[in-house]
Structure formats: structure tokens, C-alpha cells
Amino acid sequence: MKNQPAVEIFKLFLKNGKNRITSERFEVLDAVIEYQGHFGADDLYIQMKNRKSSVSRATVYNTLELLVQCSLVSKRNFGDNMMRYESNLKKQKHDHLICVDCGRIVEFTNPKINALPDEICNEMGFKIESYSFNIFARCNNTKACKHYKNKS
């Protein structure tokens, strides 16, 4: 197993929730840690199958939900009716810019945006737990955009 702190967090979460601790769940955790960028559950499943894993699709889906519940993974919806996931390990706070034509996702950080959620919560009498900031736009370079259609 690749990331011992994540393994321990997940093991404790499973134990406290009276969930079974199985090697398949930790195989999914390893695959999540190795995956670069955002992914759908099926993307992860296919990658695991290509690496000769015997983990079932249901185990991948169920384990991803458990990983979200214990905050090792974030679930994202970028407006295309598909849930995507990303590992929270070794990630800084970041936001997303999404092309509505090609689906390209660019991660970015901006100090002004990072400060806003705390300011808003303080003004409104809330304590922040988390936030998600997504900008939906179109690629400037339409020739490089995989799915650009002339919208005139």
C-alpha cells in the first residue's frame, strides 16, 4: 500500500463505521492515489482492469463513496451529469475552470478566491466546512478545443 497515513485513516474509518476491512477496498484506495487528475468511477474501474485487477465495478463505486465519506477523496460535478472524483492527498486548495465545449478541466488557485469563503461565512454567521468554486467557460483557442462547434 502506497500511502500509509491514508491507509490508517481509511482503516480506522471502516472499523468505526463497522464496515468490512477488505484488501479490495485498499486496492481501490491505491488506484485512487495513483490516478492523476479527475476521474469517473468507470475510468478508475477500467484502469484497474487494465492492470489485471479482479475488483468488481460495484466495489469500486462503493469504495469511492466510503473514501468520500472519510474525506480522502472529493466528489465533483462539473455540470455534465457525471460525477468525478479526485484524491485529497497532497492536494492544495484549488478551484476549477471547465470548458463547456470540450470538458477540459484546469485547476487553479487564487488568493482572492481562497479568502472569500471565510469572509462570506463570517459575515453570514457560519463556520466553513469546505467549498467548491467552478468557472464554466469556453476555450479561447477554438481550434484546440476538441468539441468546439460554431455557435454563431
Protein backbone atom coordinates (compact mmCIF):
# COMPACT_ATOMS: atom_id res chain seq x y z
CA MET A 1 0.00 0.00 0.00
CA LYS A 2 1.36 3.28 -1.14
CA ASN A 3 0.30 5.92 1.39
CA GLN A 4 0.42 4.64 4.96
CA PRO A 5 -1.34 7.67 6.56
CA ALA A 6 -4.25 7.29 4.10
CA VAL A 7 -4.37 3.55 4.78
CA GLU A 8 -4.58 4.16 8.53
CA ILE A 9 -7.28 6.85 8.14
CA PHE A 10 -9.35 4.54 5.92
CA LYS A 11 -8.84 1.51 8.17
CA LEU A 12 -9.98 3.47 11.24
CA PHE A 13 -12.96 4.89 9.33
CA LEU A 14 -14.04 1.42 8.19
CA LYS A 15 -13.61 -0.03 11.68
CA ASN A 16 -15.53 2.81 13.39
CA GLY A 17 -18.35 2.52 10.85
CA LYS A 18 -18.47 -1.26 11.30
CA ASN A 19 -17.59 -1.72 7.62
CA ARG A 20 -15.64 -4.72 6.43
CA ILE A 21 -11.91 -4.17 6.02
CA THR A 22 -11.02 -5.89 2.74
CA SER A 23 -7.95 -5.97 0.52
CA GLU A 24 -10.15 -4.94 -2.44
CA ARG A 25 -11.07 -1.66 -0.75
CA PHE A 26 -7.41 -0.88 -0.18
CA GLU A 27 -6.64 -1.80 -3.78
CA VAL A 28 -9.17 0.86 -4.83
CA LEU A 29 -7.52 3.34 -2.44
CA ASP A 30 -4.13 2.64 -4.04
CA ALA A 31 -5.59 3.15 -7.53
CA VAL A 32 -7.14 6.48 -6.43
CA ILE A 33 -3.81 7.67 -5.03
CA GLU A 34 -2.04 6.75 -8.29
CA TYR A 35 -4.65 8.34 -10.58
CA GLN A 36 -3.56 11.69 -12.00
CA GLY A 37 -6.29 14.32 -12.06
CA HIS A 38 -10.08 13.95 -12.01
CA PHE A 39 -11.75 10.65 -12.84
CA GLY A 40 -15.10 8.95 -13.06
CA ALA A 41 -15.74 5.70 -11.23
CA ASP A 42 -15.77 3.84 -14.54
CA ASP A 43 -12.44 5.44 -15.53
CA LEU A 44 -10.89 4.08 -12.34
CA TYR A 45 -12.51 0.67 -12.82
CA ILE A 46 -11.20 0.40 -16.40
CA GLN A 47 -7.71 1.46 -15.34
CA MET A 48 -7.75 -1.18 -12.60
CA LYS A 49 -8.99 -3.86 -15.04
CA ASN A 50 -6.23 -2.92 -17.49
CA ARG A 51 -3.80 -3.61 -14.67
CA LYS A 52 -5.34 -7.08 -14.18
CA SER A 53 -7.28 -6.23 -11.01
CA SER A 54 -10.11 -8.56 -10.04
CA VAL A 55 -12.02 -5.83 -8.15
CA SER A 56 -15.64 -5.56 -9.24
CA ARG A 57 -17.28 -2.40 -10.57
CA ALA A 58 -19.62 -2.38 -7.54
CA THR A 59 -16.64 -2.48 -5.18
CA VAL A 60 -15.07 0.49 -6.98
CA TYR A 61 -18.30 2.52 -6.73
CA ASN A 62 -18.95 1.58 -3.10
CA THR A 63 -15.36 2.18 -2.02
CA LEU A 64 -15.28 5.59 -3.69
CA GLU A 65 -18.33 6.60 -1.64
CA LEU A 66 -16.61 5.42 1.55
CA LEU A 67 -13.46 7.36 0.61
CA VAL A 68 -15.59 10.48 0.09
CA GLN A 69 -17.25 9.98 3.49
CA CYS A 70 -13.87 9.82 5.24
CA SER A 71 -12.57 12.87 3.28
CA LEU A 72 -9.74 11.09 1.47
CA VAL A 73 -11.50 11.80 -1.84
CA SER A 74 -13.65 14.67 -3.10
CA LYS A 75 -16.65 14.16 -5.35
CA ARG A 76 -17.15 16.79 -8.04
CA ASN A 77 -19.89 17.59 -10.52
CA PHE A 78 -18.64 19.77 -13.35
CA GLY A 79 -22.05 20.30 -14.93
CA ASP A 80 -22.02 17.38 -17.35
CA ASN A 81 -24.15 14.97 -15.30
CA MET A 82 -21.11 12.85 -14.49
CA MET A 83 -19.62 12.52 -11.03
CA ARG A 84 -15.87 12.89 -10.95
CA TYR A 85 -13.51 12.24 -8.09
CA GLU A 86 -10.11 13.47 -7.05
CA SER A 87 -7.77 12.47 -4.28
CA ASN A 88 -7.44 14.90 -1.39
CA LEU A 89 -3.95 13.61 -0.60
CA LYS A 90 -1.12 16.02 -1.38
CA LYS A 91 -3.63 18.49 -2.84
CA GLN A 92 -3.71 22.16 -2.04
CA LYS A 93 -6.97 24.06 -2.03
CA HIS A 94 -7.79 24.73 -5.65
CA ASP A 95 -10.63 25.71 -7.91
CA HIS A 96 -11.68 24.63 -11.38
CA LEU A 97 -12.12 26.21 -14.79
CA ILE A 98 -14.20 23.95 -17.07
CA CYS A 99 -14.67 24.30 -20.84
CA VAL A 100 -18.37 23.75 -21.59
CA ASP A 101 -17.50 22.58 -25.10
CA CYS A 102 -14.62 20.12 -24.68
CA GLY A 103 -14.85 19.38 -20.96
CA ARG A 104 -11.23 20.29 -20.27
CA ILE A 105 -10.69 20.99 -16.57
CA VAL A 106 -7.96 23.36 -15.43
CA GLU A 107 -7.11 23.59 -11.74
CA PHE A 108 -6.02 26.97 -10.39
CA THR A 109 -5.51 28.83 -7.14
CA ASN A 110 -6.12 32.49 -6.48
CA PRO A 111 -5.56 34.17 -3.09
CA LYS A 112 -8.58 36.45 -3.58
CA ILE A 113 -10.88 33.47 -4.09
CA ASN A 114 -9.29 31.49 -1.25
CA ALA A 115 -10.17 34.27 1.21
CA LEU A 116 -13.78 34.72 0.04
CA PRO A 117 -15.43 31.63 1.58
CA ASP A 118 -14.16 32.51 5.08
CA GLU A 119 -15.23 36.14 4.68
CA ILE A 120 -18.71 35.18 3.46
CA CYS A 121 -19.20 32.61 6.22
CA ASN A 122 -18.09 35.09 8.90
CA GLU A 123 -20.48 37.75 7.56
CA MET A 124 -23.39 35.29 7.44
CA GLY A 125 -22.70 33.62 10.81
CA PHE A 126 -21.42 30.28 9.51
CA LYS A 127 -18.29 28.22 10.06
CA ILE A 128 -16.85 26.91 6.79
CA GLU A 129 -16.51 23.18 6.28
CA SER A 130 -15.50 23.20 2.62
CA TYR A 131 -16.23 24.97 -0.61
CA SER A 132 -16.16 24.34 -4.33
CA PHE A 133 -15.67 27.06 -6.91
CA ASN A 134 -16.09 26.23 -10.58
CA ILE A 135 -15.99 28.58 -13.54
CA PHE A 136 -17.73 27.36 -16.69
CA ALA A 137 -16.30 28.96 -19.82
CA ARG A 138 -15.19 28.25 -23.38
CA CYS A 139 -11.65 27.69 -24.61
CA ASN A 140 -10.20 30.82 -26.25
CA ASN A 141 -8.46 28.74 -28.87
CA THR A 142 -11.42 27.09 -30.61
CA LYS A 143 -9.11 25.13 -32.92
CA ALA A 144 -7.55 23.40 -29.90
CA CYS A 145 -10.94 22.76 -28.27
CA LYS A 146 -11.83 19.13 -29.01
CA HIS A 147 -15.60 19.65 -29.16
CA TYR A 148 -15.99 23.22 -30.34
CA LYS A 149 -18.99 23.78 -32.58
CA ASN A 150 -19.53 27.05 -34.36
CA LYS A 151 -22.10 28.69 -32.09
CA SER A 152 -22.86 31.71 -34.27
